[in-house]
Amino acid sequence: ISKYPTPFSDLKLSEVDFKKHAGFSDHSIGISGSL
């Protein structure tokens, strides 16, 4: 998500298929989004 920083409410990680996406470029604060 190209917002700096990205609000957690905008991450919507449950909608991401990580079988297709290899990973996550995380611009949110802290490490919760990455985890």
Full PDB file with SEQRES, HELIX, SHEET, SSBOND, CRYST1, ORIGX, SCALE, CONECT and MASTER records, all heavy atoms in Angstrom:
SEQRES   1 A   35  ILE SER LYS TYR PRO THR PRO PHE SER ASP LEU LYS LEU          
SEQRES   2 A   35  SER GLU VAL ASP PHE LYS LYS HIS ALA GLY PHE SER ASP          
SEQRES   3 A   35  HIS SER ILE GLY ILE SER GLY SER LEU                          
HELIX    1 AA1 PHE A    8  ASP A   10  5                                   3    
HELIX    2 AA2 LEU A   13  GLU A   15  5                                   3    
CRYST1    1.000    1.000    1.000  90.00  90.00  90.00 P 1           1          
ORIGX1      1.000000  0.000000  0.000000        0.00000                         
ORIGX2      0.000000  1.000000  0.000000        0.00000                         
ORIGX3      0.000000  0.000000  1.000000        0.00000                         
SCALE1      1.000000  0.000000  0.000000        0.00000                         
SCALE2      0.000000  1.000000  0.000000        0.00000                         
SCALE3      0.000000  0.000000  1.000000        0.00000                         
ATOM      1  N   ILE A   1       0.873  -1.174   0.000  1.00  0.00           N  
ATOM      2  CA  ILE A   1       0.000   0.000   0.000  1.00  0.00           C  
ATOM      3  C   ILE A   1       0.909   1.223   0.000  1.00  0.00           C  
ATOM      4  O   ILE A   1       1.702   1.405   0.922  1.00  0.00           O  
ATOM      5  CB  ILE A   1      -0.932   0.032   1.228  1.00  0.00           C  
ATOM      6  CG1 ILE A   1      -1.784  -1.233   1.304  1.00  0.00           C  
ATOM      7  CG2 ILE A   1      -1.811   1.277   1.191  1.00  0.00           C  
ATOM      8  CD1 ILE A   1      -2.769  -1.412   0.191  1.00  0.00           C  
ATOM      9  N   SER A   2       0.795   2.052  -1.019  1.00  0.00           N  
ATOM     10  CA  SER A   2       1.697   3.197  -1.154  1.00  0.00           C  
ATOM     11  C   SER A   2       1.179   4.412  -0.390  1.00  0.00           C  
ATOM     12  O   SER A   2       0.862   5.464  -0.953  1.00  0.00           O  
ATOM     13  CB  SER A   2       1.909   3.525  -2.638  1.00  0.00           C  
ATOM     14  OG  SER A   2       2.598   2.477  -3.268  1.00  0.00           O  
ATOM     15  N   LYS A   3       1.092   4.239   0.916  1.00  0.00           N  
ATOM     16  CA  LYS A   3       0.801   5.345   1.824  1.00  0.00           C  
ATOM     17  C   LYS A   3       1.877   5.326   2.898  1.00  0.00           C  
ATOM     18  O   LYS A   3       2.223   4.257   3.398  1.00  0.00           O  
ATOM     19  CB  LYS A   3      -0.575   5.187   2.484  1.00  0.00           C  
ATOM     20  CG  LYS A   3      -1.750   5.321   1.525  1.00  0.00           C  
ATOM     21  CD  LYS A   3      -3.076   5.212   2.279  1.00  0.00           C  
ATOM     22  CE  LYS A   3      -4.257   5.336   1.339  1.00  0.00           C  
ATOM     23  NZ  LYS A   3      -5.550   5.208   2.060  1.00  0.00           N  
ATOM     24  N   TYR A   4       2.392   6.504   3.267  1.00  0.00           N  
ATOM     25  CA  TYR A   4       3.544   6.575   4.159  1.00  0.00           C  
ATOM     26  C   TYR A   4       3.229   7.496   5.341  1.00  0.00           C  
ATOM     27  O   TYR A   4       3.308   8.705   5.182  1.00  0.00           O  
ATOM     28  CB  TYR A   4       4.761   7.079   3.392  1.00  0.00           C  
ATOM     29  CG  TYR A   4       5.040   6.281   2.152  1.00  0.00           C  
ATOM     30  CD1 TYR A   4       4.461   6.633   0.932  1.00  0.00           C  
ATOM     31  CD2 TYR A   4       5.860   5.162   2.192  1.00  0.00           C  
ATOM     32  CE1 TYR A   4       4.716   5.885  -0.208  1.00  0.00           C  
ATOM     33  CE2 TYR A   4       6.117   4.408   1.054  1.00  0.00           C  
ATOM     34  CZ  TYR A   4       5.542   4.779  -0.142  1.00  0.00           C  
ATOM     35  OH  TYR A   4       5.782   4.027  -1.273  1.00  0.00           O  
ATOM     36  N   PRO A   5       2.891   6.950   6.516  1.00  0.00           N  
ATOM     37  CA  PRO A   5       2.724   5.519   6.799  1.00  0.00           C  
ATOM     38  C   PRO A   5       1.342   5.028   6.376  1.00  0.00           C  
ATOM     39  O   PRO A   5       0.433   5.829   6.145  1.00  0.00           O  
ATOM     40  CB  PRO A   5       2.880   5.450   8.317  1.00  0.00           C  
ATOM     41  CG  PRO A   5       2.364   6.780   8.786  1.00  0.00           C  
ATOM     42  CD  PRO A   5       2.762   7.780   7.730  1.00  0.00           C  
ATOM     43  N   THR A   6       1.178   3.707   6.316  1.00  0.00           N  
ATOM     44  CA  THR A   6      -0.104   3.098   5.979  1.00  0.00           C  
ATOM     45  C   THR A   6      -0.896   2.831   7.260  1.00  0.00           C  
ATOM     46  O   THR A   6      -0.404   2.124   8.138  1.00  0.00           O  
ATOM     47  CB  THR A   6       0.098   1.763   5.245  1.00  0.00           C  
ATOM     48  OG1 THR A   6       0.937   1.963   4.111  1.00  0.00           O  
ATOM     49  CG2 THR A   6      -1.240   1.202   4.797  1.00  0.00           C  
ATOM     50  N   PRO A   7      -2.123   3.364   7.383  1.00  0.00           N  
ATOM     51  CA  PRO A   7      -2.947   3.017   8.553  1.00  0.00           C  
ATOM     52  C   PRO A   7      -3.273   1.522   8.541  1.00  0.00           C  
ATOM     53  O   PRO A   7      -3.447   0.922   7.474  1.00  0.00           O  
ATOM     54  CB  PRO A   7      -4.218   3.854   8.337  1.00  0.00           C  
ATOM     55  CG  PRO A   7      -3.835   4.924   7.360  1.00  0.00           C  
ATOM     56  CD  PRO A   7      -2.775   4.333   6.489  1.00  0.00           C  
ATOM     57  N   PHE A   8      -3.352   0.926   9.710  1.00  0.00           N  
ATOM     58  CA  PHE A   8      -3.669  -0.500   9.780  1.00  0.00           C  
ATOM     59  C   PHE A   8      -4.995  -0.816   9.102  1.00  0.00           C  
ATOM     60  O   PHE A   8      -5.152  -1.879   8.510  1.00  0.00           O  
ATOM     61  CB  PHE A   8      -3.701  -0.966  11.244  1.00  0.00           C  
ATOM     62  CG  PHE A   8      -2.341  -1.083  11.865  1.00  0.00           C  
ATOM     63  CD1 PHE A   8      -1.984  -0.279  12.932  1.00  0.00           C  
ATOM     64  CD2 PHE A   8      -1.412  -1.990  11.381  1.00  0.00           C  
ATOM     65  CE1 PHE A   8      -0.721  -0.383  13.504  1.00  0.00           C  
ATOM     66  CE2 PHE A   8      -0.152  -2.094  11.946  1.00  0.00           C  
ATOM     67  CZ  PHE A   8       0.186  -1.284  13.008  1.00  0.00           C  
ATOM     68  N   SER A   9      -5.939   0.118   9.182  1.00  0.00           N  
ATOM     69  CA  SER A   9      -7.252  -0.121   8.590  1.00  0.00           C  
ATOM     70  C   SER A   9      -7.197  -0.231   7.070  1.00  0.00           C  
ATOM     71  O   SER A   9      -8.117  -0.765   6.441  1.00  0.00           O  
ATOM     72  CB  SER A   9      -8.212   1.008   8.978  1.00  0.00           C  
ATOM     73  OG  SER A   9      -7.711   2.262   8.554  1.00  0.00           O  
ATOM     74  N   ASP A  10      -6.104   0.252   6.475  1.00  0.00           N  
ATOM     75  CA  ASP A  10      -5.962   0.186   5.017  1.00  0.00           C  
ATOM     76  C   ASP A  10      -5.208  -1.051   4.546  1.00  0.00           C  
ATOM     77  O   ASP A  10      -5.132  -1.311   3.341  1.00  0.00           O  
ATOM     78  CB  ASP A  10      -5.228   1.429   4.494  1.00  0.00           C  
ATOM     79  CG  ASP A  10      -6.092   2.676   4.540  1.00  0.00           C  
ATOM     80  OD1 ASP A  10      -7.312   2.540   4.761  1.00  0.00           O  
ATOM     81  OD2 ASP A  10      -5.548   3.788   4.358  1.00  0.00           O  
ATOM     82  N   LEU A  11      -4.635  -1.830   5.460  1.00  0.00           N  
ATOM     83  CA  LEU A  11      -3.815  -2.972   5.044  1.00  0.00           C  
ATOM     84  C   LEU A  11      -4.648  -4.080   4.407  1.00  0.00           C  
ATOM     85  O   LEU A  11      -4.248  -4.661   3.394  1.00  0.00           O  
ATOM     86  CB  LEU A  11      -3.039  -3.530   6.237  1.00  0.00           C  
ATOM     87  CG  LEU A  11      -1.949  -2.635   6.811  1.00  0.00           C  
ATOM     88  CD1 LEU A  11      -1.237  -3.338   7.964  1.00  0.00           C  
ATOM     89  CD2 LEU A  11      -0.928  -2.247   5.732  1.00  0.00           C  
ATOM     90  N   LYS A  12      -5.776  -4.415   5.007  1.00  0.00           N  
ATOM     91  CA  LYS A  12      -6.701  -5.420   4.453  1.00  0.00           C  
ATOM     92  C   LYS A  12      -5.966  -6.712   4.075  1.00  0.00           C  
ATOM     93  O   LYS A  12      -6.161  -7.285   2.993  1.00  0.00           O  
ATOM     94  CB  LYS A  12      -7.463  -4.857   3.254  1.00  0.00           C  
ATOM     95  CG  LYS A  12      -8.235  -3.581   3.584  1.00  0.00           C  
ATOM     96  CD  LYS A  12      -9.106  -3.129   2.441  1.00  0.00           C  
ATOM     97  CE  LYS A  12      -9.742  -1.774   2.719  1.00  0.00           C  
ATOM     98  NZ  LYS A  12     -10.514  -1.720   3.969  1.00  0.00           N  
ATOM     99  N   LEU A  13      -5.119  -7.175   4.968  1.00  0.00           N  
ATOM    100  CA  LEU A  13      -4.288  -8.348   4.687  1.00  0.00           C  
ATOM    101  C   LEU A  13      -5.097  -9.624   4.520  1.00  0.00           C  
ATOM    102  O   LEU A  13      -4.663 -10.551   3.823  1.00  0.00           O  
ATOM    103  CB  LEU A  13      -3.248  -8.517   5.793  1.00  0.00           C  
ATOM    104  CG  LEU A  13      -2.124  -7.473   5.797  1.00  0.00           C  
ATOM    105  CD1 LEU A  13      -1.308  -7.576   7.079  1.00  0.00           C  
ATOM    106  CD2 LEU A  13      -1.221  -7.627   4.589  1.00  0.00           C  
ATOM    107  N   SER A  14      -6.284  -9.687   5.129  1.00  0.00           N  
ATOM    108  CA  SER A  14      -7.099 -10.896   4.985  1.00  0.00           C  
ATOM    109  C   SER A  14      -7.578 -11.100   3.549  1.00  0.00           C  
ATOM    110  O   SER A  14      -7.973 -12.204   3.170  1.00  0.00           O  
ATOM    111  CB  SER A  14      -8.309 -10.840   5.931  1.00  0.00           C  
ATOM    112  OG  SER A  14      -9.171  -9.772   5.572  1.00  0.00           O  
ATOM    113  N   GLU A  15      -7.513 -10.035   2.741  1.00  0.00           N  
ATOM    114  CA  GLU A  15      -7.942 -10.130   1.352  1.00  0.00           C  
ATOM    115  C   GLU A  15      -6.799 -10.510   0.405  1.00  0.00           C  
ATOM    116  O   GLU A  15      -7.005 -10.683  -0.793  1.00  0.00           O  
ATOM    117  CB  GLU A  15      -8.543  -8.794   0.899  1.00  0.00           C  
ATOM    118  CG  GLU A  15      -9.755  -8.365   1.727  1.00  0.00           C  
ATOM    119  CD  GLU A  15     -10.265  -6.988   1.350  1.00  0.00           C  
ATOM    120  OE1 GLU A  15      -9.783  -6.428   0.326  1.00  0.00           O  
ATOM    121  OE2 GLU A  15     -11.136  -6.457   2.066  1.00  0.00           O  
ATOM    122  N   VAL A  16      -5.592 -10.649   0.938  1.00  0.00           N  
ATOM    123  CA  VAL A  16      -4.411 -10.914   0.108  1.00  0.00           C  
ATOM    124  C   VAL A  16      -4.159 -12.418   0.022  1.00  0.00           C  
ATOM    125  O   VAL A  16      -4.146 -13.110   1.041  1.00  0.00           O  
ATOM    126  CB  VAL A  16      -3.166 -10.210   0.693  1.00  0.00           C  
ATOM    127  CG1 VAL A  16      -1.944 -10.473  -0.195  1.00  0.00           C  
ATOM    128  CG2 VAL A  16      -3.414  -8.715   0.827  1.00  0.00           C  
ATOM    129  N   ASP A  17      -3.953 -12.897  -1.186  1.00  0.00           N  
ATOM    130  CA  ASP A  17      -3.615 -14.307  -1.401  1.00  0.00           C  
ATOM    131  C   ASP A  17      -2.091 -14.438  -1.446  1.00  0.00           C  
ATOM    132  O   ASP A  17      -1.464 -14.109  -2.453  1.00  0.00           O  
ATOM    133  CB  ASP A  17      -4.232 -14.802  -2.710  1.00  0.00           C  
ATOM    134  CG  ASP A  17      -3.999 -16.286  -2.944  1.00  0.00           C  
ATOM    135  OD1 ASP A  17      -3.218 -16.894  -2.189  1.00  0.00           O  
ATOM    136  OD2 ASP A  17      -4.590 -16.831  -3.896  1.00  0.00           O  
ATOM    137  N   PHE A  18      -1.511 -14.917  -0.353  1.00  0.00           N  
ATOM    138  CA  PHE A  18      -0.059 -15.029  -0.298  1.00  0.00           C  
ATOM    139  C   PHE A  18       0.470 -16.300  -0.964  1.00  0.00           C  
ATOM    140  O   PHE A  18       1.651 -16.604  -0.872  1.00  0.00           O  
ATOM    141  CB  PHE A  18       0.436 -14.904   1.145  1.00  0.00           C  
ATOM    142  CG  PHE A  18       0.454 -13.480   1.634  1.00  0.00           C  
ATOM    143  CD1 PHE A  18      -0.455 -13.032   2.578  1.00  0.00           C  
ATOM    144  CD2 PHE A  18       1.372 -12.575   1.123  1.00  0.00           C  
ATOM    145  CE1 PHE A  18      -0.438 -11.721   3.020  1.00  0.00           C  
ATOM    146  CE2 PHE A  18       1.396 -11.254   1.548  1.00  0.00           C  
ATOM    147  CZ  PHE A  18       0.485 -10.829   2.507  1.00  0.00           C  
ATOM    148  N   LYS A  19      -0.405 -17.007  -1.654  1.00  0.00           N  
ATOM    149  CA  LYS A  19       0.072 -18.042  -2.571  1.00  0.00           C  
ATOM    150  C   LYS A  19       0.431 -17.414  -3.918  1.00  0.00           C  
ATOM    151  O   LYS A  19       1.215 -17.966  -4.686  1.00  0.00           O  
ATOM    152  CB  LYS A  19      -0.991 -19.124  -2.750  1.00  0.00           C  
ATOM    153  CG  LYS A  19      -1.221 -19.963  -1.504  1.00  0.00           C  
ATOM    154  CD  LYS A  19      -2.263 -21.041  -1.741  1.00  0.00           C  
ATOM    155  CE  LYS A  19      -2.475 -21.856  -0.472  1.00  0.00           C  
ATOM    156  NZ  LYS A  19      -3.527 -22.902  -0.665  1.00  0.00           N  
ATOM    157  N   LYS A  20      -0.185 -16.257  -4.191  1.00  0.00           N  
ATOM    158  CA  LYS A  20       0.131 -15.510  -5.410  1.00  0.00           C  
ATOM    159  C   LYS A  20       1.161 -14.418  -5.122  1.00  0.00           C  
ATOM    160  O   LYS A  20       2.141 -14.267  -5.848  1.00  0.00           O  
ATOM    161  CB  LYS A  20      -1.142 -14.911  -6.000  1.00  0.00           C  
ATOM    162  CG  LYS A  20      -2.150 -15.937  -6.507  1.00  0.00           C  
ATOM    163  CD  LYS A  20      -3.372 -15.254  -7.099  1.00  0.00           C  
ATOM    164  CE  LYS A  20      -4.358 -16.278  -7.641  1.00  0.00           C  
ATOM    165  NZ  LYS A  20      -5.574 -15.621  -8.207  1.00  0.00           N  
ATOM    166  N   HIS A  21       0.904 -13.633  -4.095  1.00  0.00           N  
ATOM    167  CA  HIS A  21       1.889 -12.633  -3.664  1.00  0.00           C  
ATOM    168  C   HIS A  21       2.984 -13.347  -2.872  1.00  0.00           C  
ATOM    169  O   HIS A  21       2.701 -14.116  -1.948  1.00  0.00           O  
ATOM    170  CB  HIS A  21       1.249 -11.588  -2.760  1.00  0.00           C  
ATOM    171  CG  HIS A  21       0.279 -10.678  -3.453  1.00  0.00           C  
ATOM    172  ND1 HIS A  21      -1.040 -11.014  -3.657  1.00  0.00           N  
ATOM    173  CD2 HIS A  21       0.450  -9.435  -3.976  1.00  0.00           C  
ATOM    174  CE1 HIS A  21      -1.654 -10.018  -4.270  1.00  0.00           C  
ATOM    175  NE2 HIS A  21      -0.781  -9.044  -4.481  1.00  0.00           N  
ATOM    176  N   ALA A  22       4.231 -13.083  -3.228  1.00  0.00           N  
ATOM    177  CA  ALA A  22       5.342 -13.703  -2.495  1.00  0.00           C  
ATOM    178  C   ALA A  22       5.520 -13.094  -1.122  1.00  0.00           C  
ATOM    179  O   ALA A  22       6.044 -13.739  -0.210  1.00  0.00           O  
ATOM    180  CB  ALA A  22       6.635 -13.564  -3.287  1.00  0.00           C  
ATOM    181  N   GLY A  23       5.087 -11.847  -0.962  1.00  0.00           N  
ATOM    182  CA  GLY A  23       5.307 -11.206   0.320  1.00  0.00           C  
ATOM    183  C   GLY A  23       4.667  -9.844   0.409  1.00  0.00           C  
ATOM    184  O   GLY A  23       3.759  -9.503  -0.350  1.00  0.00           O  
ATOM    185  N   PHE A  24       5.182  -9.046   1.331  1.00  0.00           N  
ATOM    186  CA  PHE A  24       4.551  -7.795   1.744  1.00  0.00           C  
ATOM    187  C   PHE A  24       5.616  -6.725   1.924  1.00  0.00           C  
ATOM    188  O   PHE A  24       6.568  -6.899   2.688  1.00  0.00           O  
ATOM    189  CB  PHE A  24       3.803  -8.028   3.060  1.00  0.00           C  
ATOM    190  CG  PHE A  24       3.127  -6.842   3.660  1.00  0.00           C  
ATOM    191  CD1 PHE A  24       2.487  -5.892   2.880  1.00  0.00           C  
ATOM    192  CD2 PHE A  24       3.104  -6.681   5.041  1.00  0.00           C  
ATOM    193  CE1 PHE A  24       1.846  -4.803   3.452  1.00  0.00           C  
ATOM    194  CE2 PHE A  24       2.466  -5.599   5.635  1.00  0.00           C  
ATOM    195  CZ  PHE A  24       1.832  -4.657   4.830  1.00  0.00           C  
ATOM    196  N   SER A  25       5.449  -5.617   1.223  1.00  0.00           N  
ATOM    197  CA  SER A  25       6.267  -4.432   1.447  1.00  0.00           C  
ATOM    198  C   SER A  25       5.481  -3.535   2.392  1.00  0.00           C  
ATOM    199  O   SER A  25       4.471  -2.937   2.003  1.00  0.00           O  
ATOM    200  CB  SER A  25       6.556  -3.719   0.120  1.00  0.00           C  
ATOM    201  OG  SER A  25       7.374  -2.588   0.328  1.00  0.00           O  
ATOM    202  N   ASP A  26       5.929  -3.466   3.635  1.00  0.00           N  
ATOM    203  CA  ASP A  26       5.135  -2.924   4.736  1.00  0.00           C  
ATOM    204  C   ASP A  26       5.511  -1.482   5.048  1.00  0.00           C  
ATOM    205  O   ASP A  26       6.646  -1.192   5.438  1.00  0.00           O  
ATOM    206  CB  ASP A  26       5.359  -3.818   5.969  1.00  0.00           C  
ATOM    207  CG  ASP A  26       4.543  -3.386   7.166  1.00  0.00           C  
ATOM    208  OD1 ASP A  26       3.656  -2.523   7.020  1.00  0.00           O  
ATOM    209  OD2 ASP A  26       4.794  -3.924   8.267  1.00  0.00           O  
ATOM    210  N   HIS A  27       4.545  -0.569   4.910  1.00  0.00           N  
ATOM    211  CA  HIS A  27       4.780   0.835   5.236  1.00  0.00           C  
ATOM    212  C   HIS A  27       3.982   1.278   6.461  1.00  0.00           C  
ATOM    213  O   HIS A  27       3.824   2.471   6.693  1.00  0.00           O  
ATOM    214  CB  HIS A  27       4.430   1.727   4.041  1.00  0.00           C  
ATOM    215  CG  HIS A  27       5.271   1.470   2.838  1.00  0.00           C  
ATOM    216  ND1 HIS A  27       4.738   1.216   1.591  1.00  0.00           N  
ATOM    217  CD2 HIS A  27       6.607   1.389   2.690  1.00  0.00           C  
ATOM    218  CE1 HIS A  27       5.708   1.005   0.727  1.00  0.00           C  
ATOM    219  NE2 HIS A  27       6.856   1.102   1.372  1.00  0.00           N  
ATOM    220  N   SER A  28       3.458   0.322   7.222  1.00  0.00           N  
ATOM    221  CA  SER A  28       2.731   0.676   8.445  1.00  0.00           C  
ATOM    222  C   SER A  28       3.720   0.882   9.601  1.00  0.00           C  
ATOM    223  O   SER A  28       4.893   0.519   9.505  1.00  0.00           O  
ATOM    224  CB  SER A  28       1.719  -0.414   8.796  1.00  0.00           C  
ATOM    225  OG  SER A  28       2.368  -1.646   9.070  1.00  0.00           O  
ATOM    226  N   ILE A  29       3.236   1.458  10.676  1.00  0.00           N  
ATOM    227  CA  ILE A  29       4.070   1.720  11.842  1.00  0.00           C  
ATOM    228  C   ILE A  29       4.244   0.415  12.640  1.00  0.00           C  
ATOM    229  O   ILE A  29       3.303  -0.346  12.830  1.00  0.00           O  
ATOM    230  CB  ILE A  29       3.444   2.791  12.746  1.00  0.00           C  
ATOM    231  CG1 ILE A  29       3.272   4.112  11.979  1.00  0.00           C  
ATOM    232  CG2 ILE A  29       4.280   3.006  14.002  1.00  0.00           C  
ATOM    233  CD1 ILE A  29       4.559   4.787  11.580  1.00  0.00           C  
ATOM    234  N   GLY A  30       5.463   0.184  13.117  1.00  0.00           N  
ATOM    235  CA  GLY A  30       5.716  -1.015  13.914  1.00  0.00           C  
ATOM    236  C   GLY A  30       5.814  -2.260  13.049  1.00  0.00           C  
ATOM    237  O   GLY A  30       5.957  -2.179  11.823  1.00  0.00           O  
ATOM    238  N   ILE A  31       5.735  -3.428  13.689  1.00  0.00           N  
ATOM    239  CA  ILE A  31       5.924  -4.683  12.969  1.00  0.00           C  
ATOM    240  C   ILE A  31       4.679  -5.567  12.958  1.00  0.00           C  
ATOM    241  O   ILE A  31       4.706  -6.671  12.423  1.00  0.00           O  
ATOM    242  CB  ILE A  31       7.107  -5.486  13.539  1.00  0.00           C  
ATOM    243  CG1 ILE A  31       6.875  -5.869  15.011  1.00  0.00           C  
ATOM    244  CG2 ILE A  31       8.409  -4.709  13.376  1.00  0.00           C  
ATOM    245  CD1 ILE A  31       7.934  -6.821  15.567  1.00  0.00           C  
ATOM    246  N   SER A  32       3.569  -5.074  13.496  1.00  0.00           N  
ATOM    247  CA  SER A  32       2.362  -5.902  13.565  1.00  0.00           C  
ATOM    248  C   SER A  32       1.874  -6.311  12.181  1.00  0.00           C  
ATOM    249  O   SER A  32       1.463  -7.458  11.975  1.00  0.00           O  
ATOM    250  CB  SER A  32       1.249  -5.155  14.307  1.00  0.00           C  
ATOM    251  OG  SER A  32       1.612  -4.910  15.642  1.00  0.00           O  
ATOM    252  N   GLY A  33       1.905  -5.389  11.226  1.00  0.00           N  
ATOM    253  CA  GLY A  33       1.464  -5.697   9.872  1.00  0.00           C  
ATOM    254  C   GLY A  33       2.322  -6.779   9.236  1.00  0.00           C  
ATOM    255  O   GLY A  33       1.812  -7.698   8.578  1.00  0.00           O  
ATOM    256  N   SER A  34       3.617  -6.690   9.443  1.00  0.00           N  
ATOM    257  CA  SER A  34       4.530  -7.690   8.892  1.00  0.00           C  
ATOM    258  C   SER A  34       4.281  -9.058   9.516  1.00  0.00           C  
ATOM    259  O   SER A  34       4.283 -10.082   8.821  1.00  0.00           O  
ATOM    260  CB  SER A  34       5.985  -7.268   9.131  1.00  0.00           C  
ATOM    261  OG  SER A  34       6.314  -6.130   8.374  1.00  0.00           O  
ATOM    262  N   LEU A  35       4.069  -9.082  10.820  1.00  0.00           N  
ATOM    263  CA  LEU A  35       3.812 -10.348  11.496  1.00  0.00           C  
ATOM    264  C   LEU A  35       2.508 -10.974  11.022  1.00  0.00           C  
ATOM    265  O   LEU A  35       2.415 -12.188  10.818  1.00  0.00           O  
ATOM    266  CB  LEU A  35       3.785 -10.144  13.010  1.00  0.00           C  
ATOM    267  CG  LEU A  35       5.105  -9.724  13.643  1.00  0.00           C  
ATOM    268  CD1 LEU A  35       4.915  -9.411  15.110  1.00  0.00           C  
ATOM    269  CD2 LEU A  35       6.158 -10.811  13.470  1.00  0.00           C  
TER     270      LEU A  35                                                      
MASTER        0    0    0    2    0    0    0    6  269    1    0    3          
END                                                                             
